[in-house]
Protein backbone atom coordinates (compact mmCIF):
# COMPACT_ATOMS: atom_id res chain seq x y z
CA MET A 1 114.95 181.17 119.34
CA ASN A 2 111.15 181.57 119.49
CA ILE A 3 108.78 179.07 121.02
CA LYS A 4 107.32 178.10 117.59
CA LYS A 5 110.82 177.18 116.14
CA LYS A 6 111.66 175.28 119.32
CA ASN A 7 108.37 173.23 119.03
CA MET A 8 109.28 172.49 115.33
CA ILE A 9 112.72 171.19 116.34
CA ALA A 10 111.15 169.12 119.14
CA LYS A 11 108.75 167.54 116.66
CA LYS A 12 111.53 166.61 114.43
CA GLN A 13 113.56 164.99 117.15
CA ASN A 14 110.44 163.14 118.28
CA ALA A 15 109.94 161.91 114.82
CA LYS A 16 113.04 159.94 115.12
CA HIS A 17 111.19 157.51 117.44
CA ARG A 18 108.08 155.92 115.98
CA GLN A 19 105.63 153.47 117.54
CA PHE A 20 105.50 150.11 115.75
CA LYS A 21 103.07 147.63 117.38
CA GLY A 22 103.53 149.20 120.72
CA VAL A 23 107.40 149.22 120.56
CA SER A 24 109.40 152.37 120.15
CA LEU A 25 111.90 152.08 117.47
CA ASP A 26 114.68 154.48 116.45
CA THR A 27 114.17 155.49 112.83
CA SER A 28 117.70 154.22 111.79
CA PHE A 29 117.45 151.04 113.70
CA GLY A 30 113.92 150.33 112.32
CA ARG A 31 115.28 151.02 108.68
CA SER A 32 118.01 148.50 109.41
CA CYS A 33 115.52 145.78 110.61
CA MET A 34 113.16 146.56 107.61
CA PHE A 35 116.20 146.18 105.24
CA THR A 36 117.09 142.94 106.85
CA LYS A 37 113.55 141.47 106.68
CA LEU A 38 113.31 142.73 103.00
CA LEU A 39 116.58 141.02 102.08
CA GLY A 40 115.36 137.82 103.71
CA MET A 41 112.15 138.04 101.77
CA ILE A 42 114.02 138.50 98.51
CA ILE A 43 116.33 135.48 99.30
CA SER A 44 113.28 133.34 100.17
CA LEU A 45 111.49 134.53 97.15
CA SER A 46 114.46 133.74 95.06
CA LEU A 47 114.87 130.15 96.48
CA PHE A 48 111.11 129.54 96.09
CA THR A 49 111.15 130.90 92.42
CA THR A 50 114.14 128.46 91.70
CA VAL A 51 112.49 125.42 93.17
CA ALA A 52 109.11 126.38 91.64
CA PHE A 53 110.50 126.74 88.16
CA SER A 54 112.06 123.30 88.22
CA GLN A 55 108.69 121.82 89.43
CA THR A 56 106.43 123.74 87.01
CA LYS A 57 107.04 121.61 83.98
CA GLU A 58 103.79 120.02 82.97
CA ILE A 59 103.86 116.18 83.23
CA VAL A 60 102.91 114.89 79.81
CA SER A 61 103.16 111.71 77.79
CA TYR A 62 104.89 111.64 74.47
CA LYS A 63 104.36 108.99 71.83
CA TYR A 64 107.27 106.76 71.21
CA GLN A 65 108.69 103.95 69.13
CA LEU A 66 109.63 100.86 70.91
CA TYR A 67 112.36 98.36 70.00
CA LEU A 68 112.89 95.03 71.70
CA PRO A 69 115.75 92.80 71.18
CA GLU A 70 115.24 89.81 68.81
CA ASN A 71 115.53 87.21 71.70
CA TYR A 72 113.56 89.29 74.04
CA SER A 73 110.45 86.83 74.34
CA GLU A 74 112.72 83.76 74.62
CA ASN A 75 113.84 84.68 78.20
CA THR A 76 112.74 86.45 81.37
CA LYS A 77 115.82 88.51 82.08
CA PRO A 78 115.85 92.34 82.42
CA TYR A 79 117.45 94.32 79.61
CA PRO A 80 119.33 97.58 79.50
CA LEU A 81 117.26 100.61 78.13
CA VAL A 82 118.53 103.26 75.76
CA ILE A 83 116.26 106.34 75.44
CA TYR A 84 116.95 108.13 72.08
CA LEU A 85 116.01 111.76 71.56
CA HIS A 86 115.75 112.93 67.91
CA GLY A 87 116.74 116.36 66.43
CA GLY A 88 114.63 119.33 65.51
CA SER A 89 113.47 118.31 62.16
CA GLN A 90 111.65 115.13 63.44
CA ARG A 91 109.29 117.03 65.74
CA GLY A 92 105.62 116.48 65.18
CA ASN A 93 102.95 113.80 65.43
CA ASP A 94 104.11 111.23 63.18
CA LEU A 95 106.45 108.49 64.49
CA HIS A 96 107.53 107.63 60.93
CA LYS A 97 109.46 110.81 60.65
CA LEU A 98 111.85 109.35 63.43
CA ASN A 99 113.12 106.96 60.86
CA GLU A 100 115.07 109.46 58.83
CA TYR A 101 118.14 108.97 60.78
CA GLY A 102 119.69 107.96 64.15
CA LEU A 103 118.60 104.72 66.09
CA PRO A 104 115.20 104.67 64.68
CA TYR A 105 116.57 104.66 61.09
CA LEU A 106 119.06 101.67 61.95
CA ILE A 107 116.18 99.76 63.44
CA SER A 108 114.03 100.43 60.32
CA LYS A 109 116.92 98.88 58.17
CA GLY A 110 116.98 95.83 60.39
CA GLN A 111 119.82 96.30 62.59
CA ASN A 112 119.77 94.42 65.80
CA PHE A 113 120.73 95.61 69.22
CA LYS A 114 121.40 93.96 72.60
CA PHE A 115 119.14 96.54 74.49
CA ILE A 116 115.61 97.96 74.61
CA ILE A 117 115.31 101.27 72.69
CA ALA A 118 112.64 103.82 73.33
CA SER A 119 112.38 106.67 70.84
CA PRO A 120 109.87 109.40 72.01
CA GLN A 121 108.76 112.18 69.57
CA CYS A 122 108.77 115.71 70.75
CA PRO A 123 105.83 117.73 69.48
CA LEU A 124 105.96 120.66 67.18
CA ASN A 125 106.75 124.03 68.65
CA LYS A 126 108.11 122.41 71.76
CA PHE A 127 111.75 121.48 73.01
CA TRP A 128 112.76 118.40 74.97
CA THR A 129 113.24 120.91 77.93
CA THR A 130 109.60 122.11 77.73
CA ASP A 131 107.74 119.32 79.55
CA ASN A 132 108.38 116.64 82.07
CA TRP A 133 107.82 113.67 79.73
CA ILE A 134 110.60 111.38 81.22
CA ASP A 135 108.49 110.27 84.32
CA SER A 136 105.53 109.07 82.41
CA LEU A 137 107.73 107.43 79.70
CA LEU A 138 109.64 105.38 82.34
CA ILE A 139 106.46 104.52 84.17
CA ASP A 140 104.95 103.26 80.94
CA LEU A 141 108.13 101.41 79.85
CA ASN A 142 108.56 99.62 83.36
CA ALA A 143 104.94 98.44 83.03
CA LYS A 144 105.46 97.05 79.58
CA CYS A 145 109.09 95.84 79.57
CA ARG A 146 111.61 93.87 81.60
CA ILE A 147 114.05 96.84 82.21
CA ASP A 148 117.30 96.59 84.05
CA THR A 149 116.83 99.89 86.04
CA THR A 150 120.55 100.17 86.81
CA ARG A 151 121.29 100.55 83.19
CA ILE A 152 119.08 103.21 81.83
CA TYR A 153 120.96 105.31 79.18
CA LEU A 154 120.10 108.58 77.52
CA THR A 155 121.36 109.68 74.19
CA GLY A 156 120.36 112.26 71.50
CA ILE A 157 121.62 114.51 68.75
CA SER A 158 121.23 118.33 68.17
CA ILE A 159 118.20 119.43 70.20
CA GLY A 160 118.07 115.93 71.29
CA ALA A 161 121.42 116.23 72.92
CA TYR A 162 120.15 119.43 74.59
CA GLY A 163 117.46 117.21 76.03
CA VAL A 164 120.02 114.76 77.18
CA PHE A 165 121.75 117.23 79.39
CA ASN A 166 118.63 118.91 80.56
CA VAL A 167 116.72 115.83 81.48
CA ALA A 168 119.72 114.41 83.23
CA MET A 169 120.25 117.68 85.20
CA ASP A 170 116.58 117.41 86.32
CA SER A 171 116.90 113.66 87.36
CA PRO A 172 120.58 112.59 87.45
CA GLU A 173 119.69 109.61 89.80
CA LYS A 174 117.70 108.09 86.88
CA PHE A 175 120.58 107.43 84.46
CA ALA A 176 123.58 105.20 84.27
CA ALA A 177 125.38 107.03 81.32
CA LEU A 178 124.88 109.77 78.79
CA LEU A 179 125.74 110.01 75.07
CA PRO A 180 124.96 113.35 73.68
CA LEU A 181 125.96 114.21 70.08
CA CYS A 182 126.40 117.92 69.00
CA GLY A 183 124.38 119.38 71.80
CA GLY A 184 124.74 121.84 74.62
CA CYS A 185 122.66 123.48 77.32
CA ASN A 186 120.56 126.52 77.80
CA ASP A 187 122.37 129.67 79.41
CA SER A 188 119.66 129.41 82.18
CA ASP A 189 120.81 125.82 82.97
CA THR A 190 124.64 126.49 83.27
CA SER A 191 124.41 126.64 87.00
CA ARG A 192 123.06 123.07 87.14
CA ILE A 193 125.76 121.52 85.07
CA CYS A 194 127.34 120.06 88.14
CA ASN A 195 124.28 117.99 88.75
CA LEU A 196 125.81 115.70 86.17
CA ARG A 197 129.08 115.21 87.82
CA ASN A 198 128.37 111.60 88.93
CA ILE A 199 127.03 110.35 85.59
CA PRO A 200 129.51 108.81 83.06
CA ILE A 201 129.30 110.87 79.86
CA TRP A 202 130.80 110.56 76.47
CA ALA A 203 130.12 113.65 74.32
CA PHE A 204 130.83 114.13 70.55
CA HIS A 205 130.90 117.38 68.54
CA GLY A 206 131.95 118.29 65.06
CA ILE A 207 134.67 120.97 65.21
CA SER A 208 133.13 122.76 62.23
CA ASP A 209 129.45 122.75 63.40
CA ASP A 210 127.81 125.83 62.14
CA LYS A 211 124.39 125.11 63.69
CA ILE A 212 125.34 124.39 67.22
CA PRO A 213 128.88 125.60 67.80
CA ILE A 214 131.32 123.21 69.66
CA SER A 215 131.77 125.83 72.32
CA GLU A 216 128.24 124.67 73.63
CA THR A 217 129.62 121.27 74.61
CA GLU A 218 133.01 122.77 75.58
CA ARG A 219 131.53 124.80 78.28
CA ILE A 220 129.75 121.84 79.84
CA VAL A 221 132.99 119.80 79.55
CA GLU A 222 134.96 122.63 81.34
CA THR A 223 132.44 123.13 84.00
CA LEU A 224 132.30 119.44 84.71
CA LYS A 225 136.07 119.01 84.99
CA ARG A 226 135.91 121.86 87.66
CA CYS A 227 133.26 119.75 89.35
CA GLY A 228 135.48 116.70 89.50
CA ASP A 229 133.76 114.77 86.75
CA LYS A 230 135.84 112.84 84.12
CA ILE A 231 133.84 113.36 81.02
CA LEU A 232 134.90 111.95 77.81
CA PHE A 233 134.83 114.41 74.79
CA THR A 234 135.55 113.53 71.26
CA ARG A 235 136.12 116.57 68.79
CA ILE A 236 135.58 115.37 65.41
CA GLU A 237 137.91 117.01 62.93
CA ASN A 238 136.44 118.29 59.55
CA GLU A 239 132.80 117.59 60.65
CA GLY A 240 129.90 119.93 61.02
CA HIS A 241 126.52 119.29 62.53
CA SER A 242 125.63 116.00 60.63
CA ILE A 243 127.34 113.37 62.85
CA GLN A 244 124.27 111.05 63.24
CA TYR A 245 126.34 108.49 61.29
CA LEU A 246 128.24 107.69 64.43
CA TYR A 247 125.19 105.57 65.64
CA GLU A 248 125.94 103.34 62.72
CA THR A 249 129.79 103.56 62.19
CA LYS A 250 131.01 103.57 65.75
CA PRO A 251 129.66 100.57 67.60
CA GLU A 252 132.10 100.96 70.43
CA ILE A 253 129.82 103.58 71.79
CA TYR A 254 127.35 100.79 72.59
CA ASP A 255 130.05 98.73 74.30
CA TRP A 256 130.95 101.76 76.36
CA LEU A 257 127.34 102.39 77.37
CA LEU A 258 126.67 98.81 78.43
CA LYS A 259 129.65 98.81 80.71
CA GLN A 260 128.23 101.64 82.64
CA LYS A 261 125.91 100.74 85.58
CA LYS A 262 124.48 102.62 88.55
């Protein structure tokens, strides 16, 4: 073997050791360290991204209708609060649109309730999951009304029921019970379903719903059962998406809500 070839082999062998900030590292060991560091960075970035995502919702204030029980001004006691989230067709900037169905409709027809009802309006081109509107709403309501903070309930229909699940996943400590009608959750939120495991929930869904399939609620129910939650789930035979009549024809849902307390 000639001298030139020996020198080339020696250079290759020496290349296996590199100087890194004054410390000699074997290439294979260095690669292992670099891989470990890179993996740690990826995990840290993933955790940061998850946390950042949950914190990047813009804090906003949505307009809302407010209902107070008929004898509210005659006493000083705190009242339970029901927050009602409407469906997609009532989004906009006109609170009168909320009177088409649901709790605002019943209020407009003169029905009385034993609790305070706040009905916010989701803006056009947004969903209940877009912004953080719940914090500003609760701050405003607590400043204006006598609210029993151990009995705050969240109910909604269609995309409003999606909002019920999502908002409660974000802040499960705020609510004493949930009453979602024909809702579900986004695929990106399925990993957070167990956040709801300590909240009493009574969910309803029409078996023949062709707008939001019943499987959307079923996957939440099945996940919560695996988490140890005893969710109530009522499948409604021969019904599709329009089950808003339950707010009028099933008064026992209010009795159930009012029994729940944090």
